[in-house]
N, C-alpha and C. Protein backbone atom coordinates (compact mmCIF):
# COMPACT_ATOMS: atom_id res chain seq x y z
N MET A 1 29.60 206.06 12.35
CA MET A 1 28.51 205.43 13.07
C MET A 1 28.79 203.94 13.21
N PRO A 2 28.56 203.40 14.41
CA PRO A 2 28.83 201.97 14.60
C PRO A 2 27.94 201.11 13.72
N ASP A 3 28.43 199.92 13.45
CA ASP A 3 27.67 198.94 12.68
C ASP A 3 26.49 198.47 13.55
N PRO A 4 25.24 198.67 13.10
CA PRO A 4 24.10 198.29 13.94
C PRO A 4 23.97 196.79 14.17
N LYS A 5 24.70 195.99 13.41
CA LYS A 5 24.64 194.54 13.62
C LYS A 5 25.73 194.07 14.58
N GLN A 6 26.72 194.94 14.82
CA GLN A 6 27.80 194.60 15.75
C GLN A 6 27.24 194.57 17.17
N ARG A 7 27.58 193.54 17.90
CA ARG A 7 27.12 193.41 19.29
C ARG A 7 28.31 193.41 20.22
N VAL A 8 28.13 193.99 21.38
CA VAL A 8 29.17 193.88 22.40
C VAL A 8 28.87 192.62 23.20
N THR A 9 29.88 192.06 23.80
CA THR A 9 29.71 190.77 24.48
C THR A 9 28.78 190.85 25.68
N ILE A 10 28.60 192.04 26.24
CA ILE A 10 27.75 192.15 27.43
C ILE A 10 26.28 192.42 27.10
N GLU A 11 25.97 192.56 25.81
CA GLU A 11 24.58 192.83 25.45
C GLU A 11 23.71 191.63 25.83
N PRO A 12 22.60 191.89 26.50
CA PRO A 12 21.72 190.78 26.88
C PRO A 12 21.07 190.14 25.66
N GLN A 13 20.65 188.91 25.81
CA GLN A 13 19.95 188.21 24.74
C GLN A 13 18.64 188.91 24.40
N LYS A 14 17.99 189.48 25.42
CA LYS A 14 16.77 190.25 25.19
C LYS A 14 16.80 191.48 26.10
N TRP A 15 16.30 192.58 25.56
CA TRP A 15 16.16 193.81 26.35
C TRP A 15 14.78 193.78 26.99
N GLU A 16 14.71 194.21 28.24
CA GLU A 16 13.44 194.16 28.96
C GLU A 16 12.91 195.55 29.24
N GLN A 17 11.60 195.65 29.23
CA GLN A 17 10.92 196.86 29.66
C GLN A 17 10.86 196.84 31.18
N PRO A 18 10.55 197.98 31.83
CA PRO A 18 10.46 197.98 33.30
C PRO A 18 9.53 196.90 33.86
N SER A 19 8.53 196.53 33.09
CA SER A 19 7.58 195.49 33.54
C SER A 19 8.19 194.09 33.47
N GLY A 20 9.33 193.97 32.78
CA GLY A 20 9.96 192.67 32.59
C GLY A 20 9.65 192.06 31.23
N ALA A 21 8.70 192.64 30.51
CA ALA A 21 8.36 192.14 29.17
C ALA A 21 9.51 192.45 28.21
N ALA A 22 9.68 191.59 27.24
CA ALA A 22 10.74 191.78 26.26
C ALA A 22 10.41 192.95 25.33
N MET A 23 11.44 193.75 25.03
CA MET A 23 11.26 194.82 24.05
C MET A 23 11.14 194.18 22.67
N SER A 24 10.25 194.73 21.85
CA SER A 24 10.06 194.16 20.53
C SER A 24 10.41 195.14 19.40
N CYS A 25 10.63 196.40 19.73
CA CYS A 25 10.92 197.40 18.70
C CYS A 25 12.37 197.26 18.23
N GLU A 26 12.52 196.76 17.00
CA GLU A 26 13.86 196.52 16.45
C GLU A 26 14.68 197.80 16.37
N GLU A 27 14.04 198.92 16.04
CA GLU A 27 14.76 200.20 15.93
C GLU A 27 15.34 200.60 17.29
N SER A 28 14.58 200.43 18.35
CA SER A 28 15.07 200.75 19.69
C SER A 28 16.23 199.85 20.08
N ILE A 29 16.12 198.58 19.73
CA ILE A 29 17.19 197.63 20.04
C ILE A 29 18.46 198.00 19.28
N LEU A 30 18.33 198.44 18.03
CA LEU A 30 19.50 198.87 17.26
C LEU A 30 20.15 200.09 17.89
N VAL A 31 19.35 201.03 18.37
CA VAL A 31 19.89 202.23 19.03
C VAL A 31 20.64 201.83 20.30
N LEU A 32 20.06 200.95 21.08
CA LEU A 32 20.74 200.47 22.30
C LEU A 32 22.07 199.81 21.95
N ARG A 33 22.06 198.99 20.92
CA ARG A 33 23.27 198.29 20.48
C ARG A 33 24.34 199.29 20.02
N GLU A 34 23.95 200.26 19.21
CA GLU A 34 24.89 201.27 18.74
C GLU A 34 25.49 202.04 19.91
N ASN A 35 24.64 202.40 20.88
CA ASN A 35 25.12 203.13 22.06
C ASN A 35 26.14 202.31 22.84
N LEU A 36 25.86 201.01 23.03
CA LEU A 36 26.80 200.15 23.76
C LEU A 36 28.14 200.04 23.04
N VAL A 37 28.10 199.92 21.73
CA VAL A 37 29.34 199.83 20.95
C VAL A 37 30.14 201.11 21.12
N GLU A 38 29.47 202.26 21.03
CA GLU A 38 30.16 203.54 21.20
C GLU A 38 30.75 203.67 22.60
N ILE A 39 29.98 203.31 23.61
CA ILE A 39 30.45 203.40 24.99
C ILE A 39 31.66 202.49 25.19
N GLN A 40 31.58 201.27 24.66
CA GLN A 40 32.69 200.34 24.80
C GLN A 40 33.95 200.90 24.13
N ASP A 41 33.80 201.47 22.94
CA ASP A 41 34.95 202.04 22.22
C ASP A 41 35.59 203.17 23.02
N VAL A 42 34.77 204.09 23.54
CA VAL A 42 35.30 205.23 24.29
C VAL A 42 35.98 204.76 25.58
N CYS A 43 35.35 203.82 26.28
CA CYS A 43 35.94 203.31 27.51
C CYS A 43 37.24 202.57 27.25
N GLN A 44 37.30 201.80 26.17
CA GLN A 44 38.52 201.08 25.81
C GLN A 44 39.65 202.06 25.54
N GLU A 45 39.36 203.11 24.76
CA GLU A 45 40.39 204.11 24.46
C GLU A 45 40.85 204.82 25.73
N ALA A 46 39.92 205.14 26.61
CA ALA A 46 40.27 205.82 27.86
C ALA A 46 41.12 204.91 28.75
N LEU A 47 40.79 203.62 28.81
CA LEU A 47 41.59 202.68 29.60
C LEU A 47 43.01 202.59 29.04
N GLU A 48 43.10 202.48 27.72
CA GLU A 48 44.43 202.40 27.10
C GLU A 48 45.24 203.66 27.38
N ASP A 49 44.61 204.84 27.31
CA ASP A 49 45.31 206.09 27.63
C ASP A 49 45.79 206.08 29.07
N ALA A 50 44.92 205.66 29.98
CA ALA A 50 45.28 205.64 31.40
C ALA A 50 46.47 204.73 31.64
N VAL A 51 46.44 203.53 31.07
CA VAL A 51 47.53 202.59 31.26
C VAL A 51 48.83 203.13 30.66
N LEU A 52 48.74 203.75 29.48
CA LEU A 52 49.94 204.33 28.86
C LEU A 52 50.51 205.46 29.70
N MET A 53 49.65 206.14 30.46
CA MET A 53 50.12 207.24 31.33
C MET A 53 50.51 206.72 32.71
N ASP A 54 50.57 205.39 32.84
CA ASP A 54 51.01 204.72 34.06
C ASP A 54 50.03 204.88 35.23
N VAL A 55 48.74 204.97 34.91
CA VAL A 55 47.70 204.97 35.93
C VAL A 55 47.36 203.52 36.25
N SER A 56 47.05 203.26 37.50
CA SER A 56 46.64 201.91 37.90
C SER A 56 45.39 201.48 37.13
N GLU A 57 45.49 200.34 36.45
CA GLU A 57 44.33 199.84 35.71
C GLU A 57 43.17 199.57 36.66
N ALA A 58 43.46 198.99 37.82
CA ALA A 58 42.42 198.67 38.80
C ALA A 58 41.72 199.95 39.27
N GLN A 59 42.49 200.99 39.53
CA GLN A 59 41.89 202.25 39.98
C GLN A 59 41.03 202.84 38.87
N PHE A 60 41.52 202.81 37.64
CA PHE A 60 40.76 203.38 36.53
C PHE A 60 39.44 202.64 36.34
N ARG A 61 39.49 201.32 36.46
CA ARG A 61 38.25 200.55 36.34
C ARG A 61 37.26 200.91 37.44
N LYS A 62 37.74 201.14 38.66
CA LYS A 62 36.87 201.57 39.76
C LYS A 62 36.22 202.91 39.44
N VAL A 63 37.00 203.82 38.85
CA VAL A 63 36.46 205.13 38.48
C VAL A 63 35.36 204.97 37.42
N LEU A 64 35.58 204.10 36.43
CA LEU A 64 34.56 203.87 35.41
C LEU A 64 33.28 203.29 36.04
N HIS A 65 33.44 202.35 36.96
CA HIS A 65 32.27 201.79 37.64
C HIS A 65 31.54 202.87 38.43
N ALA A 66 32.28 203.72 39.11
CA ALA A 66 31.67 204.80 39.89
C ALA A 66 30.95 205.78 38.96
N LEU A 67 31.53 206.02 37.80
CA LEU A 67 30.90 206.92 36.84
C LEU A 67 29.53 206.39 36.42
N VAL A 68 29.46 205.10 36.14
CA VAL A 68 28.18 204.49 35.76
C VAL A 68 27.19 204.57 36.92
N ASP A 69 27.67 204.31 38.12
CA ASP A 69 26.79 204.36 39.30
C ASP A 69 26.24 205.77 39.53
N GLU A 70 26.94 206.79 39.08
CA GLU A 70 26.52 208.18 39.27
C GLU A 70 25.56 208.69 38.19
N LEU A 71 25.34 207.92 37.13
CA LEU A 71 24.44 208.36 36.09
C LEU A 71 23.05 208.58 36.66
N ALA A 72 22.40 209.67 36.23
CA ALA A 72 21.08 210.01 36.74
C ALA A 72 20.01 209.72 35.69
N ASN A 73 18.90 209.19 36.11
CA ASN A 73 17.76 208.95 35.23
C ASN A 73 16.84 210.17 35.30
N PRO A 74 16.83 211.02 34.27
CA PRO A 74 15.98 212.21 34.34
C PRO A 74 14.50 211.90 34.15
N TYR A 75 14.17 210.66 33.80
CA TYR A 75 12.78 210.28 33.54
C TYR A 75 12.18 209.43 34.67
N LYS A 76 12.93 209.29 35.75
CA LYS A 76 12.47 208.45 36.87
C LYS A 76 11.16 208.97 37.43
N LYS A 77 10.25 208.05 37.61
CA LYS A 77 8.93 208.42 38.13
C LYS A 77 8.94 208.36 39.66
N GLY A 78 8.24 209.30 40.26
CA GLY A 78 8.08 209.28 41.70
C GLY A 78 9.17 209.86 42.40
């Protein structure tokens, strides 16, 4: 399990609710942080594998961006 105090460099200074208000639940913030650390680790390993297999780094990064863009929000209202 990732260290809950470890932060990734892209983590925002404050997490916002849909209304724009700052999140205050420390447990939720820790879960978000742990998830980001895990995602960063998996993506880093995948990038390293791709480069070692002689895949274009630029192309692989585009695929990762597209993957994020394709994520679906199952809780979206309306």
